[in-house]
Amino acid sequence: MICVAGEGWYQEEGKKAIKLSKGMVITIPPEVKHWHGATKDSWFSHIAVEVPGENTSNEWCEPVSDSEYDKLK
């Protein structure tokens, strides 16, 4: 994932959130549950590149709760 504009967050399950800004690149390993989205006071634009594989799929999980999102600084 390449952050191309704005500011955002990336967080893998069980880890601290990483604040994203233009030019940052995040490599997301297979089978890693994560979320990404804009910060409260910005918009966020990114490019996602997926490497094709055999027997692969993309799974959308539950939304991030307001209480978890509000903890980010």
PDB file of N, CA and C in Angstrom:
ATOM      1  N   MET A   1       0.855  -1.152   0.000  1.00  0.00           N
ATOM      2  CA  MET A   1       0.000   0.000   0.000  1.00  0.00           C
ATOM      3  C   MET A   1       0.910   1.225   0.000  1.00  0.00           C
ATOM      4  N   ILE A   2       0.598   2.173  -0.885  1.00  0.00           N
ATOM      5  CA  ILE A   2       1.386   3.400  -0.983  1.00  0.00           C
ATOM      6  C   ILE A   2       0.474   4.575  -0.654  1.00  0.00           C
ATOM      7  N   CYS A   3       0.826   5.342   0.352  1.00  0.00           N
ATOM      8  CA  CYS A   3       0.071   6.542   0.699  1.00  0.00           C
ATOM      9  C   CYS A   3       0.450   7.635  -0.292  1.00  0.00           C
ATOM     10  N   VAL A   4      -0.526   8.150  -1.037  1.00  0.00           N
ATOM     11  CA  VAL A   4      -0.226   9.158  -2.052  1.00  0.00           C
ATOM     12  C   VAL A   4      -0.679  10.565  -1.666  1.00  0.00           C
ATOM     13  N   ALA A   5      -1.564  10.689  -0.688  1.00  0.00           N
ATOM     14  CA  ALA A   5      -2.003  12.027  -0.262  1.00  0.00           C
ATOM     15  C   ALA A   5      -2.751  11.920   1.065  1.00  0.00           C
ATOM     16  N   GLY A   6      -2.804  13.021   1.769  1.00  0.00           N
ATOM     17  CA  GLY A   6      -3.510  13.057   3.045  1.00  0.00           C
ATOM     18  C   GLY A   6      -2.743  12.329   4.126  1.00  0.00           C
ATOM     19  N   GLU A   7      -3.451  12.010   5.220  1.00  0.00           N
ATOM     20  CA  GLU A   7      -2.868  11.279   6.336  1.00  0.00           C
ATOM     21  C   GLU A   7      -3.805  10.159   6.746  1.00  0.00           C
ATOM     22  N   GLY A   8      -3.231   9.041   7.144  1.00  0.00           N
ATOM     23  CA  GLY A   8      -4.058   7.910   7.519  1.00  0.00           C
ATOM     24  C   GLY A   8      -3.441   7.076   8.615  1.00  0.00           C
ATOM     25  N   TRP A   9      -4.122   5.994   8.921  1.00  0.00           N
ATOM     26  CA  TRP A   9      -3.672   5.023   9.903  1.00  0.00           C
ATOM     27  C   TRP A   9      -3.614   3.646   9.269  1.00  0.00           C
ATOM     28  N   TYR A  10      -2.653   2.833   9.726  1.00  0.00           N
ATOM     29  CA  TYR A  10      -2.564   1.420   9.375  1.00  0.00           C
ATOM     30  C   TYR A  10      -2.327   0.675  10.680  1.00  0.00           C
ATOM     31  N   GLN A  11      -3.113  -0.380  10.929  1.00  0.00           N
ATOM     32  CA  GLN A  11      -2.919  -1.137  12.164  1.00  0.00           C
ATOM     33  C   GLN A  11      -3.160  -2.616  11.912  1.00  0.00           C
ATOM     34  N   GLU A  12      -2.170  -3.422  12.304  1.00  0.00           N
ATOM     35  CA  GLU A  12      -2.309  -4.869  12.278  1.00  0.00           C
ATOM     36  C   GLU A  12      -2.879  -5.314  13.615  1.00  0.00           C
ATOM     37  N   GLU A  13      -3.668  -6.365  13.580  1.00  0.00           N
ATOM     38  CA  GLU A  13      -4.286  -6.871  14.795  1.00  0.00           C
ATOM     39  C   GLU A  13      -3.225  -7.158  15.854  1.00  0.00           C
ATOM     40  N   GLY A  14      -3.429  -6.614  17.062  1.00  0.00           N
ATOM     41  CA  GLY A  14      -2.521  -6.841  18.175  1.00  0.00           C
ATOM     42  C   GLY A  14      -1.296  -5.945  18.207  1.00  0.00           C
ATOM     43  N   LYS A  15      -1.190  -5.011  17.255  1.00  0.00           N
ATOM     44  CA  LYS A  15      -0.034  -4.111  17.205  1.00  0.00           C
ATOM     45  C   LYS A  15      -0.489  -2.656  17.281  1.00  0.00           C
ATOM     46  N   LYS A  16       0.469  -1.759  17.532  1.00  0.00           N
ATOM     47  CA  LYS A  16       0.173  -0.328  17.579  1.00  0.00           C
ATOM     48  C   LYS A  16      -0.097   0.193  16.175  1.00  0.00           C
ATOM     49  N   ALA A  17      -0.947   1.208  16.083  1.00  0.00           N
ATOM     50  CA  ALA A  17      -1.250   1.837  14.806  1.00  0.00           C
ATOM     51  C   ALA A  17      -0.057   2.661  14.330  1.00  0.00           C
ATOM     52  N   ILE A  18       0.110   2.723  13.019  1.00  0.00           N
ATOM     53  CA  ILE A  18       1.164   3.514  12.386  1.00  0.00           C
ATOM     54  C   ILE A  18       0.493   4.658  11.643  1.00  0.00           C
ATOM     55  N   LYS A  19       0.946   5.888  11.905  1.00  0.00           N
ATOM     56  CA  LYS A  19       0.386   7.034  11.196  1.00  0.00           C
ATOM     57  C   LYS A  19       1.038   7.126   9.813  1.00  0.00           C
ATOM     58  N   LEU A  20       0.213   7.254   8.788  1.00  0.00           N
ATOM     59  CA  LEU A  20       0.679   7.288   7.409  1.00  0.00           C
ATOM     60  C   LEU A  20       0.652   8.700   6.849  1.00  0.00           C
ATOM     61  N   SER A  21       1.636   9.002   6.002  1.00  0.00           N
ATOM     62  CA  SER A  21       1.661  10.275   5.287  1.00  0.00           C
ATOM     63  C   SER A  21       2.172  10.022   3.869  1.00  0.00           C
ATOM     64  N   LYS A  22       2.041  11.006   3.034  1.00  0.00           N
ATOM     65  CA  LYS A  22       2.395  10.882   1.624  1.00  0.00           C
ATOM     66  C   LYS A  22       3.790  10.282   1.438  1.00  0.00           C
ATOM     67  N   GLY A  23       3.867   9.274   0.574  1.00  0.00           N
ATOM     68  CA  GLY A  23       5.140   8.642   0.259  1.00  0.00           C
ATOM     69  C   GLY A  23       5.445   7.395   1.062  1.00  0.00           C
ATOM     70  N   MET A  24       4.734   7.163   2.154  1.00  0.00           N
ATOM     71  CA  MET A  24       4.993   5.968   2.963  1.00  0.00           C
ATOM     72  C   MET A  24       4.484   4.724   2.242  1.00  0.00           C
ATOM     73  N   VAL A  25       5.220   3.635   2.406  1.00  0.00           N
ATOM     74  CA  VAL A  25       4.854   2.356   1.799  1.00  0.00           C
ATOM     75  C   VAL A  25       4.717   1.324   2.915  1.00  0.00           C
ATOM     76  N   ILE A  26       3.622   0.584   2.894  1.00  0.00           N
ATOM     77  CA  ILE A  26       3.385  -0.479   3.864  1.00  0.00           C
ATOM     78  C   ILE A  26       3.272  -1.793   3.101  1.00  0.00           C
ATOM     79  N   THR A  27       4.056  -2.781   3.504  1.00  0.00           N
ATOM     80  CA  THR A  27       3.947  -4.121   2.934  1.00  0.00           C
ATOM     81  C   THR A  27       3.112  -4.958   3.890  1.00  0.00           C
ATOM     82  N   ILE A  28       2.032  -5.501   3.386  1.00  0.00           N
ATOM     83  CA  ILE A  28       1.106  -6.258   4.217  1.00  0.00           C
ATOM     84  C   ILE A  28       1.260  -7.743   3.880  1.00  0.00           C
ATOM     85  N   PRO A  29       1.809  -8.530   4.813  1.00  0.00           N
ATOM     86  CA  PRO A  29       1.999  -9.960   4.538  1.00  0.00           C
ATOM     87  C   PRO A  29       0.660 -10.692   4.393  1.00  0.00           C
ATOM     88  N   PRO A  30       0.662 -11.814   3.705  1.00  0.00           N
ATOM     89  CA  PRO A  30      -0.555 -12.621   3.594  1.00  0.00           C
ATOM     90  C   PRO A  30      -1.065 -13.046   4.973  1.00  0.00           C
ATOM     91  N   GLU A  31      -2.371 -13.185   5.076  1.00  0.00           N
ATOM     92  CA  GLU A  31      -3.019 -13.692   6.295  1.00  0.00           C
ATOM     93  C   GLU A  31      -2.901 -12.754   7.489  1.00  0.00           C
ATOM     94  N   VAL A  32      -2.565 -11.477   7.281  1.00  0.00           N
ATOM     95  CA  VAL A  32      -2.454 -10.524   8.384  1.00  0.00           C
ATOM     96  C   VAL A  32      -3.727  -9.678   8.443  1.00  0.00           C
ATOM     97  N   LYS A  33      -4.461  -9.799   9.540  1.00  0.00           N
ATOM     98  CA  LYS A  33      -5.675  -9.003   9.730  1.00  0.00           C
ATOM     99  C   LYS A  33      -5.255  -7.585  10.065  1.00  0.00           C
ATOM    100  N   HIS A  34      -5.779  -6.619   9.332  1.00  0.00           N
ATOM    101  CA  HIS A  34      -5.393  -5.224   9.524  1.00  0.00           C
ATOM    102  C   HIS A  34      -6.531  -4.313   9.070  1.00  0.00           C
ATOM    103  N   TRP A  35      -6.356  -3.032   9.370  1.00  0.00           N
ATOM    104  CA  TRP A  35      -7.268  -2.026   8.828  1.00  0.00           C
ATOM    105  C   TRP A  35      -6.449  -0.813   8.447  1.00  0.00           C
ATOM    106  N   HIS A  36      -6.994   0.017   7.571  1.00  0.00           N
ATOM    107  CA  HIS A  36      -6.371   1.288   7.225  1.00  0.00           C
ATOM    108  C   HIS A  36      -7.461   2.280   6.856  1.00  0.00           C
ATOM    109  N   GLY A  37      -7.190   3.550   7.140  1.00  0.00           N
ATOM    110  CA  GLY A  37      -8.155   4.600   6.845  1.00  0.00           C
ATOM    111  C   GLY A  37      -7.607   5.962   7.218  1.00  0.00           C
ATOM    112  N   ALA A  38      -8.383   6.978   6.950  1.00  0.00           N
ATOM    113  CA  ALA A  38      -7.978   8.364   7.177  1.00  0.00           C
ATOM    114  C   ALA A  38      -7.906   8.702   8.666  1.00  0.00           C
ATOM    115  N   THR A  39      -7.080   9.711   8.982  1.00  0.00           N
ATOM    116  CA  THR A  39      -7.076  10.256  10.338  1.00  0.00           C
ATOM    117  C   THR A  39      -8.341  11.086  10.507  1.00  0.00           C
ATOM    118  N   LYS A  40      -8.641  11.469  11.745  1.00  0.00           N
ATOM    119  CA  LYS A  40      -9.872  12.231  12.020  1.00  0.00           C
ATOM    120  C   LYS A  40      -9.918  13.572  11.302  1.00  0.00           C
ATOM    121  N   ASP A  41      -8.759  14.214  11.144  1.00  0.00           N
ATOM    122  CA  ASP A  41      -8.746  15.569  10.600  1.00  0.00           C
ATOM    123  C   ASP A  41      -8.160  15.646   9.187  1.00  0.00           C
ATOM    124  N   SER A  42      -8.151  14.526   8.468  1.00  0.00           N
ATOM    125  CA  SER A  42      -7.606  14.519   7.114  1.00  0.00           C
ATOM    126  C   SER A  42      -8.365  13.518   6.255  1.00  0.00           C
ATOM    127  N   TRP A  43      -8.113  13.591   4.997  1.00  0.00           N
ATOM    128  CA  TRP A  43      -8.559  12.551   4.080  1.00  0.00           C
ATOM    129  C   TRP A  43      -7.338  11.727   3.749  1.00  0.00           C
ATOM    130  N   PHE A  44      -7.523  10.615   3.081  1.00  0.00           N
ATOM    131  CA  PHE A  44      -6.435   9.685   2.852  1.00  0.00           C
ATOM    132  C   PHE A  44      -6.632   9.015   1.491  1.00  0.00           C
ATOM    133  N   SER A  45      -5.596   9.051   0.679  1.00  0.00           N
ATOM    134  CA  SER A  45      -5.637   8.399  -0.626  1.00  0.00           C
ATOM    135  C   SER A  45      -4.449   7.453  -0.732  1.00  0.00           C
ATOM    136  N   HIS A  46      -4.703   6.252  -1.244  1.00  0.00           N
ATOM    137  CA  HIS A  46      -3.633   5.268  -1.339  1.00  0.00           C
ATOM    138  C   HIS A  46      -3.782   4.424  -2.597  1.00  0.00           C
ATOM    139  N   ILE A  47      -2.690   3.773  -2.948  1.00  0.00           N
ATOM    140  CA  ILE A  47      -2.667   2.806  -4.038  1.00  0.00           C
ATOM    141  C   ILE A  47      -2.375   1.450  -3.406  1.00  0.00           C
ATOM    142  N   ALA A  48      -3.195   0.475  -3.727  1.00  0.00           N
ATOM    143  CA  ALA A  48      -2.968  -0.879  -3.221  1.00  0.00           C
ATOM    144  C   ALA A  48      -2.562  -1.767  -4.388  1.00  0.00           C
ATOM    145  N   VAL A  49      -1.497  -2.516  -4.191  1.00  0.00           N
ATOM    146  CA  VAL A  49      -1.004  -3.445  -5.205  1.00  0.00           C
ATOM    147  C   VAL A  49      -1.077  -4.842  -4.619  1.00  0.00           C
ATOM    148  N   GLU A  50      -1.772  -5.728  -5.303  1.00  0.00           N
ATOM    149  CA  GLU A  50      -1.918  -7.100  -4.818  1.00  0.00           C
ATOM    150  C   GLU A  50      -1.140  -8.042  -5.723  1.00  0.00           C
ATOM    151  N   VAL A  51      -0.378  -8.924  -5.111  1.00  0.00           N
ATOM    152  CA  VAL A  51       0.375  -9.924  -5.867  1.00  0.00           C
ATOM    153  C   VAL A  51      -0.531 -11.144  -6.045  1.00  0.00           C
ATOM    154  N   PRO A  52      -0.790 -11.543  -7.288  1.00  0.00           N
ATOM    155  CA  PRO A  52      -1.679 -12.691  -7.493  1.00  0.00           C
ATOM    156  C   PRO A  52      -1.072 -13.986  -6.970  1.00  0.00           C
ATOM    157  N   GLY A  53      -1.929 -14.873  -6.551  1.00  0.00           N
ATOM    158  CA  GLY A  53      -1.479 -16.171  -6.058  1.00  0.00           C
ATOM    159  C   GLY A  53      -2.561 -17.209  -6.301  1.00  0.00           C
ATOM    160  N   GLU A  54      -2.271 -18.433  -5.967  1.00  0.00           N
ATOM    161  CA  GLU A  54      -3.238 -19.511  -6.120  1.00  0.00           C
ATOM    162  C   GLU A  54      -4.060 -19.660  -4.848  1.00  0.00           C
ATOM    163  N   ASN A  55      -5.344 -19.898  -5.012  1.00  0.00           N
ATOM    164  CA  ASN A  55      -6.259 -20.114  -3.881  1.00  0.00           C
ATOM    165  C   ASN A  55      -6.208 -18.957  -2.884  1.00  0.00           C
ATOM    166  N   THR A  56      -6.236 -17.735  -3.377  1.00  0.00           N
ATOM    167  CA  THR A  56      -6.197 -16.558  -2.516  1.00  0.00           C
ATOM    168  C   THR A  56      -7.548 -15.851  -2.538  1.00  0.00           C
ATOM    169  N   SER A  57      -7.779 -15.030  -1.536  1.00  0.00           N
ATOM    170  CA  SER A  57      -9.009 -14.243  -1.479  1.00  0.00           C
ATOM    171  C   SER A  57      -8.774 -13.024  -0.603  1.00  0.00           C
ATOM    172  N   ASN A  58      -9.660 -12.068  -0.727  1.00  0.00           N
ATOM    173  CA  ASN A  58      -9.629 -10.864   0.093  1.00  0.00           C
ATOM    174  C   ASN A  58     -10.862 -10.909   0.986  1.00  0.00           C
ATOM    175  N   GLU A  59     -10.692 -10.669   2.261  1.00  0.00           N
ATOM    176  CA  GLU A  59     -11.807 -10.739   3.199  1.00  0.00           C
ATOM    177  C   GLU A  59     -11.965  -9.406   3.917  1.00  0.00           C
ATOM    178  N   TRP A  60     -13.143  -8.813   3.792  1.00  0.00           N
ATOM    179  CA  TRP A  60     -13.449  -7.578   4.511  1.00  0.00           C
ATOM    180  C   TRP A  60     -13.982  -7.963   5.876  1.00  0.00           C
ATOM    181  N   CYS A  61     -13.395  -7.406   6.916  1.00  0.00           N
ATOM    182  CA  CYS A  61     -13.759  -7.746   8.287  1.00  0.00           C
ATOM    183  C   CYS A  61     -14.676  -6.678   8.876  1.00  0.00           C
ATOM    184  N   GLU A  62     -14.899  -6.782  10.173  1.00  0.00           N
ATOM    185  CA  GLU A  62     -15.769  -5.844  10.870  1.00  0.00           C
ATOM    186  C   GLU A  62     -15.168  -4.437  10.851  1.00  0.00           C
ATOM    187  N   PRO A  63     -16.015  -3.402  10.916  1.00  0.00           N
ATOM    188  CA  PRO A  63     -15.488  -2.030  10.960  1.00  0.00           C
ATOM    189  C   PRO A  63     -14.763  -1.767  12.282  1.00  0.00           C
ATOM    190  N   VAL A  64     -13.856  -0.806  12.249  1.00  0.00           N
ATOM    191  CA  VAL A  64     -13.163  -0.374  13.464  1.00  0.00           C
ATOM    192  C   VAL A  64     -14.178   0.394  14.316  1.00  0.00           C
ATOM    193  N   SER A  65     -14.231   0.080  15.592  1.00  0.00           N
ATOM    194  CA  SER A  65     -15.200   0.745  16.470  1.00  0.00           C
ATOM    195  C   SER A  65     -14.788   2.196  16.714  1.00  0.00           C
ATOM    196  N   ASP A  66     -15.773   3.033  16.987  1.00  0.00           N
ATOM    197  CA  ASP A  66     -15.496   4.441  17.298  1.00  0.00           C
ATOM    198  C   ASP A  66     -14.581   4.560  18.515  1.00  0.00           C
ATOM    199  N   SER A  67     -14.770   3.701  19.517  1.00  0.00           N
ATOM    200  CA  SER A  67     -13.945   3.802  20.729  1.00  0.00           C
ATOM    201  C   SER A  67     -12.486   3.459  20.422  1.00  0.00           C
ATOM    202  N   GLU A  68     -12.221   2.468  19.571  1.00  0.00           N
ATOM    203  CA  GLU A  68     -10.843   2.125  19.200  1.00  0.00           C
ATOM    204  C   GLU A  68     -10.238   3.251  18.347  1.00  0.00           C
ATOM    205  N   TYR A  69     -10.995   3.765  17.400  1.00  0.00           N
ATOM    206  CA  TYR A  69     -10.514   4.828  16.514  1.00  0.00           C
ATOM    207  C   TYR A  69     -10.208   6.099  17.319  1.00  0.00           C
ATOM    208  N   ASP A  70     -11.067   6.406  18.289  1.00  0.00           N
ATOM    209  CA  ASP A  70     -10.884   7.624  19.095  1.00  0.00           C
ATOM    210  C   ASP A  70      -9.629   7.577  19.961  1.00  0.00           C
ATOM    211  N   LYS A  71      -9.070   6.398  20.207  1.00  0.00           N
ATOM    212  CA  LYS A  71      -7.842   6.273  20.999  1.00  0.00           C
ATOM    213  C   LYS A  71      -6.587   6.677  20.222  1.00  0.00           C
ATOM    214  N   LEU A  72      -6.680   6.742  18.895  1.00  0.00           N
ATOM    215  CA  LEU A  72      -5.509   7.046  18.071  1.00  0.00           C
ATOM    216  C   LEU A  72      -5.143   8.516  18.180  1.00  0.00           C
ATOM    217  N   LYS A  73      -3.856   8.777  18.280  1.00  0.00           N
ATOM    218  CA  LYS A  73      -3.381  10.170  18.394  1.00  0.00           C
ATOM    219  C   LYS A  73      -2.284  10.415  17.402  1.00  0.00           C
TER     220      LYS A  73
END
